[in-house]
């Protein structure tokens, strides 16, 4: 589920098109106050809020770095 935070884009609103893991904390806090949307996007936003609120964004670093390495072009041999 954590990998989805690094691949899914915000489908609507002020930050439409932005990767969920890159959403600002104040935007996630707004959802926490007003209510998360239903379905998978709501669950992912709630998870991202918990990660951000508890200062755990650094835990996404290894996943983010692993994705970059996987997306890098490979040398042909």
PDB file of N, CA and C in Angstrom:
ATOM      1  N   UNK A   1       0.819  -1.193   0.000  1.00  0.00           N
ATOM      2  CA  UNK A   1       0.000   0.000   0.000  1.00  0.00           C
ATOM      3  C   UNK A   1       0.863   1.256   0.000  1.00  0.00           C
ATOM      4  N   UNK A   2       2.025   1.188   0.654  1.00  0.00           N
ATOM      5  CA  UNK A   2       2.903   2.360   0.676  1.00  0.00           C
ATOM      6  C   UNK A   2       3.373   2.740  -0.722  1.00  0.00           C
ATOM      7  N   UNK A   3       3.604   1.743  -1.569  1.00  0.00           N
ATOM      8  CA  UNK A   3       4.038   2.049  -2.933  1.00  0.00           C
ATOM      9  C   UNK A   3       2.977   2.825  -3.700  1.00  0.00           C
ATOM     10  N   UNK A   4       1.713   2.602  -3.379  1.00  0.00           N
ATOM     11  CA  UNK A   4       0.645   3.352  -4.040  1.00  0.00           C
ATOM     12  C   UNK A   4       0.738   4.840  -3.743  1.00  0.00           C
ATOM     13  N   UNK A   5       1.230   5.187  -2.556  1.00  0.00           N
ATOM     14  CA  UNK A   5       1.393   6.605  -2.212  1.00  0.00           C
ATOM     15  C   UNK A   5       2.404   7.285  -3.127  1.00  0.00           C
ATOM     16  N   UNK A   6       3.316   6.502  -3.695  1.00  0.00           N
ATOM     17  CA  UNK A   6       4.358   7.045  -4.562  1.00  0.00           C
ATOM     18  C   UNK A   6       3.996   6.981  -6.044  1.00  0.00           C
ATOM     19  N   UNK A   7       2.879   6.345  -6.357  1.00  0.00           N
ATOM     20  CA  UNK A   7       2.503   6.202  -7.767  1.00  0.00           C
ATOM     21  C   UNK A   7       1.160   6.824  -8.097  1.00  0.00           C
ATOM     22  N   UNK A   8       0.261   6.889  -7.137  1.00  0.00           N
ATOM     23  CA  UNK A   8      -1.072   7.427  -7.403  1.00  0.00           C
ATOM     24  C   UNK A   8      -1.045   8.949  -7.363  1.00  0.00           C
ATOM     25  N   UNK A   9      -1.774   9.536  -8.286  1.00  0.00           N
ATOM     26  CA  UNK A   9      -1.901  10.992  -8.339  1.00  0.00           C
ATOM     27  C   UNK A   9      -3.228  11.401  -7.713  1.00  0.00           C
ATOM     28  N   UNK A  10      -3.241  12.593  -7.161  1.00  0.00           N
ATOM     29  CA  UNK A  10      -4.476  13.158  -6.626  1.00  0.00           C
ATOM     30  C   UNK A  10      -5.418  13.371  -7.804  1.00  0.00           C
ATOM     31  N   UNK A  11      -6.615  12.762  -7.766  1.00  0.00           N
ATOM     32  CA  UNK A  11      -7.487  12.814  -8.940  1.00  0.00           C
ATOM     33  C   UNK A  11      -8.353  14.069  -9.058  1.00  0.00           C
ATOM     34  N   UNK A  12      -8.356  14.901  -8.037  1.00  0.00           N
ATOM     35  CA  UNK A  12      -9.236  16.074  -8.067  1.00  0.00           C
ATOM     36  C   UNK A  12      -8.690  17.156  -7.147  1.00  0.00           C
ATOM     37  N   UNK A  13      -9.303  18.327  -7.216  1.00  0.00           N
ATOM     38  CA  UNK A  13      -9.020  19.393  -6.271  1.00  0.00           C
ATOM     39  C   UNK A  13      -7.800  20.233  -6.585  1.00  0.00           C
ATOM     40  N   UNK A  14      -7.429  20.999  -5.612  1.00  0.00           N
ATOM     41  CA  UNK A  14      -6.349  21.975  -5.720  1.00  0.00           C
ATOM     42  C   UNK A  14      -5.031  21.346  -6.165  1.00  0.00           C
ATOM     43  N   UNK A  15      -4.771  20.138  -5.752  1.00  0.00           N
ATOM     44  CA  UNK A  15      -3.498  19.469  -6.054  1.00  0.00           C
ATOM     45  C   UNK A  15      -3.675  18.308  -7.047  1.00  0.00           C
ATOM     46  N   UNK A  16      -4.666  18.421  -7.914  1.00  0.00           N
ATOM     47  CA  UNK A  16      -4.918  17.392  -8.927  1.00  0.00           C
ATOM     48  C   UNK A  16      -3.646  17.119  -9.725  1.00  0.00           C
ATOM     49  N   UNK A  17      -3.319  15.829  -9.884  1.00  0.00           N
ATOM     50  CA  UNK A  17      -2.146  15.427 -10.651  1.00  0.00           C
ATOM     51  C   UNK A  17      -0.880  15.270  -9.823  1.00  0.00           C
ATOM     52  N   UNK A  18      -0.906  15.697  -8.582  1.00  0.00           N
ATOM     53  CA  UNK A  18       0.266  15.577  -7.709  1.00  0.00           C
ATOM     54  C   UNK A  18       0.300  14.190  -7.065  1.00  0.00           C
ATOM     55  N   UNK A  19       1.479  13.607  -6.954  1.00  0.00           N
ATOM     56  CA  UNK A  19       1.643  12.300  -6.303  1.00  0.00           C
ATOM     57  C   UNK A  19       1.198  12.422  -4.839  1.00  0.00           C
ATOM     58  N   UNK A  20       0.441  11.435  -4.357  1.00  0.00           N
ATOM     59  CA  UNK A  20      -0.105  11.501  -2.996  1.00  0.00           C
ATOM     60  C   UNK A  20       0.977  11.715  -1.941  1.00  0.00           C
ATOM     61  N   UNK A  21       2.117  11.090  -2.094  1.00  0.00           N
ATOM     62  CA  UNK A  21       3.197  11.227  -1.110  1.00  0.00           C
ATOM     63  C   UNK A  21       3.759  12.641  -1.074  1.00  0.00           C
ATOM     64  N   UNK A  22       3.470  13.442  -2.112  1.00  0.00           N
ATOM     65  CA  UNK A  22       3.996  14.802  -2.180  1.00  0.00           C
ATOM     66  C   UNK A  22       2.971  15.866  -1.805  1.00  0.00           C
ATOM     67  N   UNK A  23       1.802  15.444  -1.340  1.00  0.00           N
ATOM     68  CA  UNK A  23       0.785  16.411  -0.932  1.00  0.00           C
ATOM     69  C   UNK A  23       1.227  17.133   0.339  1.00  0.00           C
ATOM     70  N   UNK A  24       0.950  18.432   0.424  1.00  0.00           N
ATOM     71  CA  UNK A  24       1.343  19.174   1.626  1.00  0.00           C
ATOM     72  C   UNK A  24       0.519  18.761   2.851  1.00  0.00           C
ATOM     73  N   UNK A  25       1.146  18.860   4.006  1.00  0.00           N
ATOM     74  CA  UNK A  25       0.509  18.470   5.259  1.00  0.00           C
ATOM     75  C   UNK A  25      -0.773  19.226   5.546  1.00  0.00           C
ATOM     76  N   UNK A  26      -0.817  20.524   5.219  1.00  0.00           N
ATOM     77  CA  UNK A  26      -2.029  21.287   5.532  1.00  0.00           C
ATOM     78  C   UNK A  26      -3.224  20.809   4.705  1.00  0.00           C
ATOM     79  N   UNK A  27      -2.961  20.315   3.499  1.00  0.00           N
ATOM     80  CA  UNK A  27      -4.026  19.756   2.654  1.00  0.00           C
ATOM     81  C   UNK A  27      -4.523  18.439   3.253  1.00  0.00           C
ATOM     82  N   UNK A  28      -3.602  17.600   3.702  1.00  0.00           N
ATOM     83  CA  UNK A  28      -3.979  16.341   4.351  1.00  0.00           C
ATOM     84  C   UNK A  28      -4.731  16.607   5.659  1.00  0.00           C
ATOM     85  N   UNK A  29      -4.315  17.636   6.397  1.00  0.00           N
ATOM     86  CA  UNK A  29      -5.000  18.008   7.639  1.00  0.00           C
ATOM     87  C   UNK A  29      -6.430  18.457   7.363  1.00  0.00           C
ATOM     88  N   UNK A  30      -6.626  19.165   6.254  1.00  0.00           N
ATOM     89  CA  UNK A  30      -7.967  19.610   5.880  1.00  0.00           C
ATOM     90  C   UNK A  30      -8.883  18.404   5.687  1.00  0.00           C
ATOM     91  N   UNK A  31      -8.385  17.387   4.966  1.00  0.00           N
ATOM     92  CA  UNK A  31      -9.183  16.175   4.776  1.00  0.00           C
ATOM     93  C   UNK A  31      -9.469  15.499   6.115  1.00  0.00           C
ATOM     94  N   UNK A  32      -8.493  15.468   7.002  1.00  0.00           N
ATOM     95  CA  UNK A  32      -8.689  14.845   8.310  1.00  0.00           C
ATOM     96  C   UNK A  32      -9.798  15.557   9.091  1.00  0.00           C
ATOM     97  N   UNK A  33      -9.877  16.867   8.961  1.00  0.00           N
ATOM     98  CA  UNK A  33     -10.920  17.637   9.643  1.00  0.00           C
ATOM     99  C   UNK A  33     -12.276  17.490   8.973  1.00  0.00           C
ATOM    100  N   UNK A  34     -12.284  17.579   7.641  1.00  0.00           N
ATOM    101  CA  UNK A  34     -13.536  17.629   6.883  1.00  0.00           C
ATOM    102  C   UNK A  34     -14.068  16.253   6.485  1.00  0.00           C
ATOM    103  N   UNK A  35     -13.199  15.261   6.469  1.00  0.00           N
ATOM    104  CA  UNK A  35     -13.603  13.909   6.088  1.00  0.00           C
ATOM    105  C   UNK A  35     -12.900  13.474   4.812  1.00  0.00           C
ATOM    106  N   UNK A  36     -12.377  12.273   4.841  1.00  0.00           N
ATOM    107  CA  UNK A  36     -11.708  11.712   3.672  1.00  0.00           C
ATOM    108  C   UNK A  36     -12.760  11.199   2.700  1.00  0.00           C
ATOM    109  N   UNK A  37     -12.482  11.262   1.403  1.00  0.00           N
ATOM    110  CA  UNK A  37     -13.443  10.730   0.440  1.00  0.00           C
ATOM    111  C   UNK A  37     -13.563   9.209   0.577  1.00  0.00           C
ATOM    112  N   UNK A  38     -14.645   8.651   0.058  1.00  0.00           N
ATOM    113  CA  UNK A  38     -14.819   7.197   0.154  1.00  0.00           C
ATOM    114  C   UNK A  38     -13.871   6.457  -0.778  1.00  0.00           C
ATOM    115  N   UNK A  39     -13.714   5.178  -0.506  1.00  0.00           N
ATOM    116  CA  UNK A  39     -12.955   4.310  -1.398  1.00  0.00           C
ATOM    117  C   UNK A  39     -11.458   4.342  -1.170  1.00  0.00           C
ATOM    118  N   UNK A  40     -10.754   3.803  -2.163  1.00  0.00           N
ATOM    119  CA  UNK A  40      -9.305   3.664  -2.062  1.00  0.00           C
ATOM    120  C   UNK A  40      -8.601   4.999  -1.886  1.00  0.00           C
ATOM    121  N   UNK A  41      -9.033   6.023  -2.614  1.00  0.00           N
ATOM    122  CA  UNK A  41      -8.352   7.316  -2.509  1.00  0.00           C
ATOM    123  C   UNK A  41      -8.458   7.855  -1.082  1.00  0.00           C
ATOM    124  N   UNK A  42      -9.593   7.676  -0.449  1.00  0.00           N
ATOM    125  CA  UNK A  42      -9.764   8.118   0.936  1.00  0.00           C
ATOM    126  C   UNK A  42      -8.851   7.364   1.889  1.00  0.00           C
ATOM    127  N   UNK A  43      -8.736   6.051   1.682  1.00  0.00           N
ATOM    128  CA  UNK A  43      -7.841   5.245   2.529  1.00  0.00           C
ATOM    129  C   UNK A  43      -6.393   5.673   2.345  1.00  0.00           C
ATOM    130  N   UNK A  44      -6.011   5.944   1.104  1.00  0.00           N
ATOM    131  CA  UNK A  44      -4.627   6.369   0.847  1.00  0.00           C
ATOM    132  C   UNK A  44      -4.353   7.751   1.430  1.00  0.00           C
ATOM    133  N   UNK A  45      -5.301   8.655   1.306  1.00  0.00           N
ATOM    134  CA  UNK A  45      -5.121   9.991   1.894  1.00  0.00           C
ATOM    135  C   UNK A  45      -5.039   9.916   3.415  1.00  0.00           C
ATOM    136  N   UNK A  46      -5.862   9.054   4.022  1.00  0.00           N
ATOM    137  CA  UNK A  46      -5.810   8.883   5.476  1.00  0.00           C
ATOM    138  C   UNK A  46      -4.459   8.313   5.905  1.00  0.00           C
ATOM    139  N   UNK A  47      -3.961   7.341   5.146  1.00  0.00           N
ATOM    140  CA  UNK A  47      -2.644   6.769   5.447  1.00  0.00           C
ATOM    141  C   UNK A  47      -1.557   7.832   5.314  1.00  0.00           C
ATOM    142  N   UNK A  48      -1.614   8.606   4.238  1.00  0.00           N
ATOM    143  CA  UNK A  48      -0.608   9.649   4.039  1.00  0.00           C
ATOM    144  C   UNK A  48      -0.684  10.700   5.137  1.00  0.00           C
ATOM    145  N   UNK A  49      -1.891  11.018   5.589  1.00  0.00           N
ATOM    146  CA  UNK A  49      -2.047  11.962   6.698  1.00  0.00           C
ATOM    147  C   UNK A  49      -1.363  11.430   7.955  1.00  0.00           C
ATOM    148  N   UNK A  50      -1.576  10.160   8.274  1.00  0.00           N
ATOM    149  CA  UNK A  50      -0.945   9.569   9.459  1.00  0.00           C
ATOM    150  C   UNK A  50       0.580   9.597   9.343  1.00  0.00           C
ATOM    151  N   UNK A  51       1.087   9.268   8.180  1.00  0.00           N
ATOM    152  CA  UNK A  51       2.536   9.286   7.959  1.00  0.00           C
ATOM    153  C   UNK A  51       3.078  10.690   8.141  1.00  0.00           C
ATOM    154  N   UNK A  52       2.419  11.662   7.513  1.00  0.00           N
ATOM    155  CA  UNK A  52       2.874  13.048   7.596  1.00  0.00           C
ATOM    156  C   UNK A  52       2.736  13.589   9.025  1.00  0.00           C
ATOM    157  N   UNK A  53       1.587  13.368   9.623  1.00  0.00           N
ATOM    158  CA  UNK A  53       1.308  13.896  10.957  1.00  0.00           C
ATOM    159  C   UNK A  53       2.282  13.366  12.012  1.00  0.00           C
ATOM    160  N   UNK A  54       2.716  12.138  11.845  1.00  0.00           N
ATOM    161  CA  UNK A  54       3.629  11.522  12.808  1.00  0.00           C
ATOM    162  C   UNK A  54       5.101  11.663  12.427  1.00  0.00           C
ATOM    163  N   UNK A  55       5.375  12.485  11.413  1.00  0.00           N
ATOM    164  CA  UNK A  55       6.762  12.750  11.030  1.00  0.00           C
ATOM    165  C   UNK A  55       7.477  11.539  10.451  1.00  0.00           C
ATOM    166  N   UNK A  56       6.746  10.718   9.708  1.00  0.00           N
ATOM    167  CA  UNK A  56       7.323   9.475   9.201  1.00  0.00           C
ATOM    168  C   UNK A  56       7.547   9.479   7.691  1.00  0.00           C
ATOM    169  N   UNK A  57       7.510  10.647   7.067  1.00  0.00           N
ATOM    170  CA  UNK A  57       7.697  10.703   5.609  1.00  0.00           C
ATOM    171  C   UNK A  57       9.034  10.104   5.178  1.00  0.00           C
ATOM    172  N   UNK A  58      10.015  10.159   6.061  1.00  0.00           N
ATOM    173  CA  UNK A  58      11.327   9.595   5.721  1.00  0.00           C
ATOM    174  C   UNK A  58      11.250   8.092   5.436  1.00  0.00           C
ATOM    175  N   UNK A  59      10.219   7.425   5.959  1.00  0.00           N
ATOM    176  CA  UNK A  59      10.065   5.999   5.702  1.00  0.00           C
ATOM    177  C   UNK A  59       9.754   5.701   4.237  1.00  0.00           C
ATOM    178  N   UNK A  60       9.252   6.697   3.525  1.00  0.00           N
ATOM    179  CA  UNK A  60       8.961   6.518   2.101  1.00  0.00           C
ATOM    180  C   UNK A  60      10.222   6.664   1.247  1.00  0.00           C
ATOM    181  N   UNK A  61      11.288   7.202   1.808  1.00  0.00           N
ATOM    182  CA  UNK A  61      12.528   7.434   1.068  1.00  0.00           C
ATOM    183  C   UNK A  61      13.085   6.193   0.397  1.00  0.00           C
ATOM    184  N   UNK A  62      13.263   5.092   1.119  1.00  0.00           N
ATOM    185  CA  UNK A  62      13.802   3.886   0.467  1.00  0.00           C
ATOM    186  C   UNK A  62      12.908   3.387  -0.672  1.00  0.00           C
ATOM    187  N   UNK A  63      11.599   3.478  -0.497  1.00  0.00           N
ATOM    188  CA  UNK A  63      10.692   3.069  -1.573  1.00  0.00           C
ATOM    189  C   UNK A  63      10.822   4.008  -2.770  1.00  0.00           C
ATOM    190  N   UNK A  64      10.920   5.301  -2.471  1.00  0.00           N
ATOM    191  CA  UNK A  64      11.053   6.297  -3.535  1.00  0.00           C
ATOM    192  C   UNK A  64      12.361   6.074  -4.285  1.00  0.00           C
ATOM    193  N   UNK A  65      13.435   5.829  -3.563  1.00  0.00           N
ATOM    194  CA  UNK A  65      14.741   5.596  -4.193  1.00  0.00           C
ATOM    195  C   UNK A  65      14.746   4.292  -4.980  1.00  0.00           C
ATOM    196  N   UNK A  66      14.094   3.275  -4.459  1.00  0.00           N
ATOM    197  CA  UNK A  66      13.996   2.005  -5.160  1.00  0.00           C
ATOM    198  C   UNK A  66      13.223   2.137  -6.456  1.00  0.00           C
ATOM    199  N   UNK A  67      12.197   2.974  -6.447  1.00  0.00           N
ATOM    200  CA  UNK A  67      11.418   3.218  -7.664  1.00  0.00           C
ATOM    201  C   UNK A  67      12.262   3.918  -8.707  1.00  0.00           C
ATOM    202  N   UNK A  68      13.061   4.886  -8.280  1.00  0.00           N
ATOM    203  CA  UNK A  68      13.920   5.600  -9.226  1.00  0.00           C
ATOM    204  C   UNK A  68      14.906   4.654  -9.882  1.00  0.00           C
ATOM    205  N   UNK A  69      15.466   3.757  -9.081  1.00  0.00           N
ATOM    206  CA  UNK A  69      16.434   2.797  -9.629  1.00  0.00           C
ATOM    207  C   UNK A  69      15.735   1.852 -10.607  1.00  0.00           C
ATOM    208  N   UNK A  70      14.518   1.446 -10.273  1.00  0.00           N
ATOM    209  CA  UNK A  70      13.781   0.538 -11.157  1.00  0.00           C
ATOM    210  C   UNK A  70      13.359   1.229 -12.449  1.00  0.00           C
ATOM    211  N   UNK A  71      13.112   2.539 -12.387  1.00  0.00           N
ATOM    212  CA  UNK A  71      12.669   3.284 -13.563  1.00  0.00           C
ATOM    213  C   UNK A  71      13.824   3.738 -14.441  1.00  0.00           C
ATOM    214  N   UNK A  72      15.044   3.681 -13.919  1.00  0.00           N
ATOM    215  CA  UNK A  72      16.215   4.138 -14.679  1.00  0.00           C
ATOM    216  C   UNK A  72      16.456   3.221 -15.868  1.00  0.00           C
ATOM    217  N   UNK A  73      16.893   3.805 -16.981  1.00  0.00           N
ATOM    218  CA  UNK A  73      17.198   2.955 -18.138  1.00  0.00           C
ATOM    219  C   UNK A  73      18.351   2.002 -17.819  1.00  0.00           C
ATOM    220  N   UNK A  74      18.252   0.822 -18.316  1.00  0.00           N
ATOM    221  CA  UNK A  74      19.294  -0.188 -18.074  1.00  0.00           C
ATOM    222  C   UNK A  74      20.238  -0.219 -19.256  1.00  0.00           C
ATOM    223  N   UNK A  75      21.504  -0.382 -18.936  1.00  0.00           N
ATOM    224  CA  UNK A  75      22.523  -0.488 -19.993  1.00  0.00           C
ATOM    225  C   UNK A  75      22.381  -1.836 -20.692  1.00  0.00           C
ATOM    226  N   UNK A  76      22.414  -1.820 -21.994  1.00  0.00           N
ATOM    227  CA  UNK A  76      22.328  -3.085 -22.705  1.00  0.00           C
ATOM    228  C   UNK A  76      23.714  -3.694 -22.795  1.00  0.00           C
ATOM    229  N   UNK A  77      23.776  -4.978 -22.711  1.00  0.00           N
ATOM    230  CA  UNK A  77      25.078  -5.613 -22.652  1.00  0.00           C
ATOM    231  C   UNK A  77      25.246  -6.560 -23.706  1.00  0.00           C
TER     232      UNK A  77
END
